[in-house]
Amino acid sequence: MLVFHNDRHALHHGRHEMFRGQLVPCFEVPARADYVLQEVRSRGLGPVQGAPDAPLEVFERIHAPRYLQFLSTAWQEWVALDPSNAERDALPSYWPIRTFRSDVLPASFPARMGLFSYDAGSPITAGTWEAARQGASCAVAGARSLLQGERCAFVLTRPPGHHAGHDFFGGYCFLNNGAIAAQVLRDGGLQRVAVLDIDYHHGNGTQAIFYERADVFFASVHGDPHTEYPYYLGYADERGAGAGLGCNLNLPLPRGTGFDRWRQAMADALQAIAAWRAEALVVSLGLDTFAGDPIAGFTLAGDDYLRIGEDLAAAGLPTLFVFEGGYAVAEVGVNAVNVLEGFAQRAR
């Protein structure tokens, strides 16, 4: 299994996020990816390689040019407001919600930051753009490896991506790695690509990007948004719109769900993907379904991730895994590589 590792991921290292009314140390930290890489190497899963920087035109197939322009200069603008800002992360404080305009690009940096975000939990740091761009480049390389005949590949990167939309960041995500990979597969000649999101939190960004498209099927197994982040998307009645009607499947589950019920929901998602006749599969691989995760609520155990990998391999599709959430940091490496190892053993 090819592993595309973002060797610049640690350049994005937020100090604090806003969580339930107070600034707390970030849950999304560089050690998450470091533990996964350590486990990949200890089990001989590889080879591990980097990726060349993809041109912005590739990202523009998913993200708005003005949004990419904002991200690429955000840190410099933040520090230009006040040199002392170099010692603290940039967090938004205003948002253009209902009745406000979003078509006009404000001159004010804080206003633009609010325009392009939806929460105060995703700090921009000095290295955010570089880390996010290289991670998305790894997703491009991973997708191209499937087009060249690889059965599966793993994109090991952070910050994660599935909450990032066409023109907004949030949920620790800035560029939507899974959506970019799906688009590369489409542009490479595949007609029907599926994205399966198994993170605890619904991949609202990915859903929104493809919601009116008939060429990418999005399925997600996640915590019920009535009580779980991102709250405002991820309900079962969201089935797509326009040409994309019927190409969106949400399978929300209540907090406390165990592996048997969760596994059946993933089986239902895979059955729908097979019925849709997908030619390749992108898996948004969140490991925050683990029982010990500090900001989630399912109860999966370490060995369950081996079974997940086996079930995904049984789908018989070229598969790209893209690392997403998982905040029980010490366990995330074992859990992630259990999925990959289960897949590799079943796919032989």
Protein backbone atom coordinates (compact mmCIF):
# COMPACT_ATOMS: atom_id res chain seq x y z
CA MET A 1 0.00 0.00 0.00
CA LEU A 2 1.41 3.37 -0.98
CA VAL A 3 1.45 5.94 1.83
CA PHE A 4 1.58 9.62 0.86
CA HIS A 5 2.84 11.50 3.89
CA ASN A 6 2.60 15.25 4.36
CA ASP A 7 6.02 16.05 5.78
CA ARG A 8 4.97 19.68 6.34
CA HIS A 9 1.90 18.94 8.46
CA ALA A 10 3.53 20.10 11.71
CA LEU A 11 3.83 23.63 10.31
CA HIS A 12 0.15 23.92 11.27
CA HIS A 13 0.11 23.78 15.06
CA GLY A 14 -2.67 25.78 16.64
CA ARG A 15 -2.27 27.04 20.17
CA HIS A 16 -5.93 27.41 21.18
CA GLU A 17 -9.47 26.94 19.92
CA MET A 18 -12.77 28.25 21.21
CA PHE A 19 -14.64 25.36 22.84
CA ARG A 20 -17.87 25.85 24.78
CA GLY A 21 -17.15 29.42 25.75
CA GLN A 22 -13.48 29.23 26.58
CA LEU A 23 -10.12 29.05 24.86
CA VAL A 24 -8.66 25.57 25.29
CA PRO A 25 -5.57 23.85 23.85
CA CYS A 26 -6.27 22.51 20.37
CA PHE A 27 -7.45 18.91 20.11
CA GLU A 28 -6.09 18.69 16.55
CA VAL A 29 -2.31 18.45 17.08
CA PRO A 30 0.73 17.30 15.05
CA ALA A 31 1.20 14.24 17.25
CA ARG A 32 -1.92 12.72 15.68
CA ALA A 33 -0.18 12.20 12.35
CA ASP A 34 3.15 11.39 14.00
CA TYR A 35 1.65 8.44 15.87
CA VAL A 36 0.08 7.12 12.67
CA LEU A 37 3.37 7.41 10.77
CA GLN A 38 5.18 5.62 13.59
CA GLU A 39 2.69 2.74 13.43
CA VAL A 40 2.82 2.61 9.61
CA ARG A 41 6.59 2.15 9.78
CA SER A 42 6.58 -0.28 12.69
CA ARG A 43 4.25 -2.64 10.79
CA GLY A 44 6.04 -2.26 7.47
CA LEU A 45 3.08 -0.71 5.72
CA GLY A 46 4.35 1.35 2.84
CA PRO A 47 6.38 2.57 1.05
CA VAL A 48 6.08 6.06 2.55
CA GLN A 49 6.61 8.96 0.19
CA GLY A 50 5.83 12.63 -0.24
CA ALA A 51 4.19 14.40 -3.15
CA PRO A 52 5.05 17.31 -5.43
CA ASP A 53 3.14 20.53 -4.90
CA ALA A 54 -0.02 20.43 -6.99
CA PRO A 55 -0.86 23.61 -8.92
CA LEU A 56 -3.63 25.77 -7.53
CA GLU A 57 -5.69 25.04 -10.64
CA VAL A 58 -6.23 21.52 -9.31
CA PHE A 59 -7.63 22.86 -6.04
CA GLU A 60 -9.80 25.34 -7.94
CA ARG A 61 -11.76 22.38 -9.28
CA ILE A 62 -13.18 22.19 -5.73
CA HIS A 63 -12.47 25.50 -3.99
CA ALA A 64 -13.29 29.09 -4.95
CA PRO A 65 -10.26 31.07 -6.19
CA ARG A 66 -10.98 33.97 -3.83
CA TYR A 67 -11.05 31.53 -0.90
CA LEU A 68 -7.70 30.03 -1.89
CA GLN A 69 -6.28 33.52 -2.24
CA PHE A 70 -7.47 34.35 1.28
CA LEU A 71 -5.91 31.23 2.79
CA SER A 72 -2.60 31.74 1.03
CA THR A 73 -2.13 35.25 2.50
CA ALA A 74 -4.15 35.07 5.73
CA TRP A 75 -1.24 34.78 8.15
CA GLN A 76 0.68 37.64 6.57
CA GLU A 77 -2.42 39.84 6.74
CA TRP A 78 -3.03 38.86 10.36
CA VAL A 79 0.48 39.88 11.40
CA ALA A 80 0.29 43.07 9.32
CA LEU A 81 -2.67 44.19 11.46
CA ASP A 82 -0.46 44.12 14.54
CA PRO A 83 3.09 42.68 14.76
CA SER A 84 2.23 41.18 18.15
CA ASN A 85 -0.27 38.93 16.37
CA ALA A 86 2.70 36.76 15.42
CA GLU A 87 2.48 35.38 18.95
CA ARG A 88 -1.17 34.33 18.74
CA ASP A 89 -3.36 32.40 16.32
CA ALA A 90 -5.99 34.02 14.12
CA LEU A 91 -9.57 33.10 15.02
CA PRO A 92 -12.72 34.61 13.46
CA SER A 93 -15.14 36.70 15.46
CA TYR A 94 -17.88 37.73 12.98
CA TRP A 95 -19.98 35.77 10.48
CA PRO A 96 -22.37 36.81 7.67
CA ILE A 97 -25.37 34.73 8.67
CA ARG A 98 -28.97 35.03 7.41
CA THR A 99 -29.86 38.33 5.66
CA PHE A 100 -26.18 39.38 5.46
CA ARG A 101 -24.38 39.60 2.11
CA SER A 102 -21.58 37.20 1.19
CA ASP A 103 -21.02 38.22 -2.42
CA VAL A 104 -19.03 41.36 -1.54
CA LEU A 105 -15.42 40.75 -0.46
CA PRO A 106 -14.72 43.10 2.45
CA ALA A 107 -11.41 44.98 2.66
CA SER A 108 -11.25 44.21 6.39
CA PHE A 109 -9.22 41.08 7.16
CA PRO A 110 -11.34 40.11 10.22
CA ALA A 111 -14.48 40.45 8.08
CA ARG A 112 -13.03 38.26 5.34
CA MET A 113 -11.97 35.70 7.92
CA GLY A 114 -15.58 35.48 9.07
CA LEU A 115 -16.82 35.32 5.49
CA PHE A 116 -14.67 32.26 4.82
CA SER A 117 -15.30 30.34 8.06
CA TYR A 118 -18.11 28.90 10.14
CA ASP A 119 -16.68 28.33 13.62
CA ALA A 120 -14.13 29.70 16.08
CA GLY A 121 -12.41 26.37 16.62
CA SER A 122 -10.09 26.35 13.61
CA PRO A 123 -7.08 28.63 14.20
CA ILE A 124 -4.97 29.88 11.33
CA THR A 125 -1.26 29.81 12.17
CA ALA A 126 1.96 30.77 10.43
CA GLY A 127 2.14 27.39 8.69
CA THR A 128 -1.51 26.63 8.04
CA TRP A 129 -1.48 27.31 4.31
CA GLU A 130 1.75 25.44 3.67
CA ALA A 131 0.57 22.40 5.64
CA ALA A 132 -2.88 22.37 4.06
CA ARG A 133 -1.55 22.84 0.52
CA GLN A 134 0.95 20.01 0.88
CA GLY A 135 -1.72 17.76 2.36
CA ALA A 136 -4.01 18.41 -0.58
CA SER A 137 -1.09 17.71 -2.90
CA CYS A 138 -0.69 14.31 -1.21
CA ALA A 139 -4.39 13.67 -1.88
CA VAL A 140 -3.84 14.51 -5.55
CA ALA A 141 -0.88 12.11 -5.72
CA GLY A 142 -2.86 9.39 -3.97
CA ALA A 143 -5.75 9.70 -6.40
CA ARG A 144 -3.39 9.61 -9.36
CA SER A 145 -1.82 6.40 -8.03
CA LEU A 146 -5.26 4.74 -8.26
CA LEU A 147 -5.61 5.97 -11.83
CA GLN A 148 -2.26 4.32 -12.53
CA GLY A 149 -3.49 0.97 -11.26
CA GLU A 150 -2.89 0.86 -7.50
CA ARG A 151 -5.52 -1.07 -5.56
CA CYS A 152 -5.30 1.22 -2.54
CA ALA A 153 -3.32 4.10 -1.08
CA PHE A 154 -3.29 6.13 2.13
CA VAL A 155 -3.03 9.91 2.42
CA LEU A 156 -1.51 10.63 5.83
CA THR A 157 -1.96 14.33 6.36
CA ARG A 158 -3.25 17.01 8.63
CA PRO A 159 -4.98 19.41 9.02
CA PRO A 160 -7.96 17.23 8.06
CA GLY A 161 -10.32 18.22 5.27
CA HIS A 162 -13.89 16.95 5.28
CA HIS A 163 -15.48 19.97 6.98
CA ALA A 164 -13.99 22.43 4.47
CA GLY A 165 -16.43 23.57 1.80
CA HIS A 166 -16.16 25.27 -1.56
CA ASP A 167 -15.34 28.59 0.08
CA PHE A 168 -15.12 28.08 3.85
CA PHE A 169 -13.04 26.48 6.57
CA GLY A 170 -14.09 25.05 9.92
CA GLY A 171 -13.92 21.91 12.03
CA TYR A 172 -10.09 22.05 11.87
CA CYS A 173 -10.29 21.77 8.05
CA PHE A 174 -9.06 24.19 5.37
CA LEU A 175 -8.75 22.28 2.07
CA ASN A 176 -11.04 19.33 1.43
CA ASN A 177 -8.53 16.58 0.67
CA GLY A 178 -11.12 13.86 0.03
CA ALA A 179 -13.17 16.03 -2.33
CA ILE A 180 -10.04 17.10 -4.21
CA ALA A 181 -9.04 13.44 -4.59
CA ALA A 182 -12.52 12.50 -5.87
CA GLN A 183 -12.34 15.30 -8.43
CA VAL A 184 -8.89 14.13 -9.59
CA LEU A 185 -10.34 10.66 -10.13
CA ARG A 186 -13.17 12.15 -12.17
CA ASP A 187 -10.83 14.33 -14.19
CA GLY A 188 -8.66 11.27 -14.77
CA GLY A 189 -11.46 9.49 -16.61
CA LEU A 190 -13.58 7.71 -14.02
CA GLN A 191 -17.29 8.38 -14.48
CA ARG A 192 -18.62 7.44 -11.02
CA VAL A 193 -16.66 8.04 -7.81
CA ALA A 194 -17.93 7.45 -4.29
CA VAL A 195 -16.82 9.15 -1.07
CA LEU A 196 -17.53 7.27 2.16
CA ASP A 197 -17.05 9.32 5.32
CA ILE A 198 -16.66 7.26 8.50
CA ASP A 199 -15.53 10.07 10.80
CA TYR A 200 -17.67 10.58 13.91
CA HIS A 201 -18.53 14.06 12.68
CA HIS A 202 -20.49 14.50 9.45
CA GLY A 203 -18.45 15.63 6.46
CA ASN A 204 -20.55 18.70 5.81
CA GLY A 205 -18.01 20.26 3.45
CA THR A 206 -17.82 17.21 1.21
CA GLN A 207 -21.59 16.86 1.13
CA ALA A 208 -22.07 20.52 0.19
CA ILE A 209 -19.46 20.35 -2.58
CA PHE A 210 -21.10 17.42 -4.35
CA TYR A 211 -24.74 17.87 -3.29
CA GLU A 212 -26.03 18.80 -6.75
CA ARG A 213 -23.76 16.49 -8.73
CA ALA A 214 -24.64 13.09 -10.15
CA ASP A 215 -21.05 11.91 -10.75
CA VAL A 216 -19.92 11.68 -7.10
CA PHE A 217 -21.89 9.68 -4.53
CA PHE A 218 -21.42 10.81 -0.92
CA ALA A 219 -22.26 8.54 2.00
CA SER A 220 -21.61 9.24 5.67
CA VAL A 221 -21.96 7.31 8.93
CA HIS A 222 -21.76 9.78 11.82
CA GLY A 223 -23.11 11.10 15.09
CA ASP A 224 -26.65 12.46 14.99
CA PRO A 225 -26.42 16.20 14.20
CA HIS A 226 -29.33 16.90 16.53
CA THR A 227 -26.70 16.66 19.28
CA GLU A 228 -23.31 16.37 17.52
CA TYR A 229 -21.07 18.75 15.56
CA PRO A 230 -21.48 20.16 12.91
CA TYR A 231 -25.18 20.30 13.95
CA TYR A 232 -26.57 22.05 10.86
CA LEU A 233 -26.03 19.29 8.28
CA GLY A 234 -25.96 15.51 8.21
CA TYR A 235 -29.63 14.59 8.60
CA ALA A 236 -31.08 11.49 6.97
CA ASP A 237 -33.47 13.44 4.75
CA GLU A 238 -30.59 15.13 2.89
CA ARG A 239 -30.53 13.09 -0.32
CA GLY A 240 -28.97 15.51 -2.81
CA ALA A 241 -30.59 18.09 -5.06
CA GLY A 242 -31.06 18.72 -8.78
CA ALA A 243 -28.92 16.33 -10.79
CA GLY A 244 -27.52 14.99 -7.52
CA LEU A 245 -30.83 13.86 -6.06
CA GLY A 246 -30.33 10.34 -4.73
CA CYS A 247 -26.52 10.67 -4.67
CA ASN A 248 -26.27 11.63 -0.99
CA LEU A 249 -26.78 9.18 1.87
CA ASN A 250 -26.56 10.17 5.53
CA LEU A 251 -26.72 7.52 8.23
CA PRO A 252 -26.74 9.39 11.57
CA LEU A 253 -26.45 7.31 14.73
CA PRO A 254 -27.04 8.23 18.39
CA ARG A 255 -24.28 8.90 20.87
CA GLY A 256 -23.24 5.65 22.53
CA THR A 257 -23.62 3.51 19.40
CA GLY A 258 -21.52 0.35 19.53
CA PHE A 259 -19.70 -1.52 16.79
CA ASP A 260 -22.44 -3.94 15.69
CA ARG A 261 -24.93 -1.19 14.89
CA TRP A 262 -22.21 1.04 13.43
CA ARG A 263 -20.92 -1.80 11.22
CA GLN A 264 -24.41 -2.42 9.85
CA ALA A 265 -24.72 1.26 8.95
CA MET A 266 -21.43 1.11 7.06
CA ALA A 267 -22.66 -2.04 5.30
CA ASP A 268 -25.77 -0.13 4.24
CA ALA A 269 -23.57 2.66 2.87
CA LEU A 270 -21.39 0.20 0.96
CA GLN A 271 -24.47 -1.52 -0.45
CA ALA A 272 -25.75 1.83 -1.74
CA ILE A 273 -22.34 2.59 -3.26
CA ALA A 274 -22.33 -0.79 -5.02
CA ALA A 275 -25.88 -0.28 -6.31
CA TRP A 276 -24.79 3.11 -7.67
CA ARG A 277 -21.98 1.27 -9.55
CA ALA A 278 -19.06 3.32 -8.27
CA GLU A 279 -15.74 2.78 -10.02
CA ALA A 280 -13.53 3.96 -7.14
CA LEU A 281 -13.88 4.78 -3.46
CA VAL A 282 -12.44 7.62 -1.38
CA VAL A 283 -12.68 6.90 2.36
CA SER A 284 -12.62 9.87 4.73
CA LEU A 285 -10.91 7.93 7.49
CA GLY A 286 -11.87 9.42 10.83
CA LEU A 287 -10.87 7.44 13.92
CA ASP A 288 -12.87 9.50 16.41
CA THR A 289 -15.43 6.69 16.53
CA PHE A 290 -13.08 5.14 19.13
CA ALA A 291 -14.52 4.73 22.63
CA GLY A 292 -11.78 6.86 24.20
CA ASP A 293 -12.07 9.88 21.92
CA PRO A 294 -12.44 13.09 23.96
CA ILE A 295 -14.78 14.94 21.56
CA ALA A 296 -16.94 12.14 20.19
CA GLY A 297 -19.42 9.56 21.43
CA PHE A 298 -19.29 6.12 19.77
CA THR A 299 -17.80 3.08 21.50
CA LEU A 300 -15.65 1.25 18.94
CA ALA A 301 -12.63 -0.74 20.20
CA GLY A 302 -9.21 -1.11 18.64
CA ASP A 303 -9.81 -4.52 17.04
CA ASP A 304 -13.01 -3.26 15.44
CA TYR A 305 -10.91 -1.21 13.04
CA LEU A 306 -9.45 -4.40 11.57
CA ARG A 307 -12.99 -5.50 10.71
CA ILE A 308 -13.70 -2.10 9.16
CA GLY A 309 -10.73 -2.50 6.85
CA GLU A 310 -11.84 -5.99 5.87
CA ASP A 311 -15.36 -4.79 5.08
CA LEU A 312 -14.04 -1.94 2.95
CA ALA A 313 -11.78 -4.29 1.01
CA ALA A 314 -14.71 -6.62 0.35
CA ALA A 315 -16.31 -3.82 -1.69
CA GLY A 316 -13.71 -4.63 -4.35
CA LEU A 317 -13.04 -1.03 -5.41
CA PRO A 318 -9.81 0.89 -5.90
CA THR A 319 -9.69 2.74 -2.59
CA LEU A 320 -7.99 5.86 -1.35
CA PHE A 321 -7.92 6.41 2.40
CA VAL A 322 -7.63 10.03 3.54
CA PHE A 323 -6.82 10.68 7.20
CA GLU A 324 -9.40 12.83 8.98
CA GLY A 325 -10.28 13.04 12.69
CA GLY A 326 -9.32 11.01 15.75
CA TYR A 327 -8.34 12.81 18.94
CA ALA A 328 -7.45 10.00 21.33
CA VAL A 329 -3.91 10.78 20.26
CA ALA A 330 -2.03 7.84 21.78
CA GLU A 331 -4.40 5.31 20.18
CA VAL A 332 -5.02 6.92 16.80
CA GLY A 333 -1.97 5.34 15.16
CA VAL A 334 -2.91 1.78 16.05
CA ASN A 335 -6.56 2.32 15.10
CA ALA A 336 -5.73 3.90 11.74
CA VAL A 337 -3.24 1.23 10.76
CA ASN A 338 -5.61 -1.51 11.91
CA VAL A 339 -8.03 -0.31 9.22
CA LEU A 340 -5.30 -0.30 6.60
CA GLU A 341 -3.94 -3.69 7.66
CA GLY A 342 -7.40 -5.24 7.69
CA PHE A 343 -7.96 -3.89 4.20
CA ALA A 344 -4.61 -5.14 2.91
CA GLN A 345 -5.09 -8.64 4.32
CA ARG A 346 -8.57 -8.99 2.82
CA ALA A 347 -7.55 -7.48 -0.54
CA ARG A 348 -4.75 -10.00 -1.16
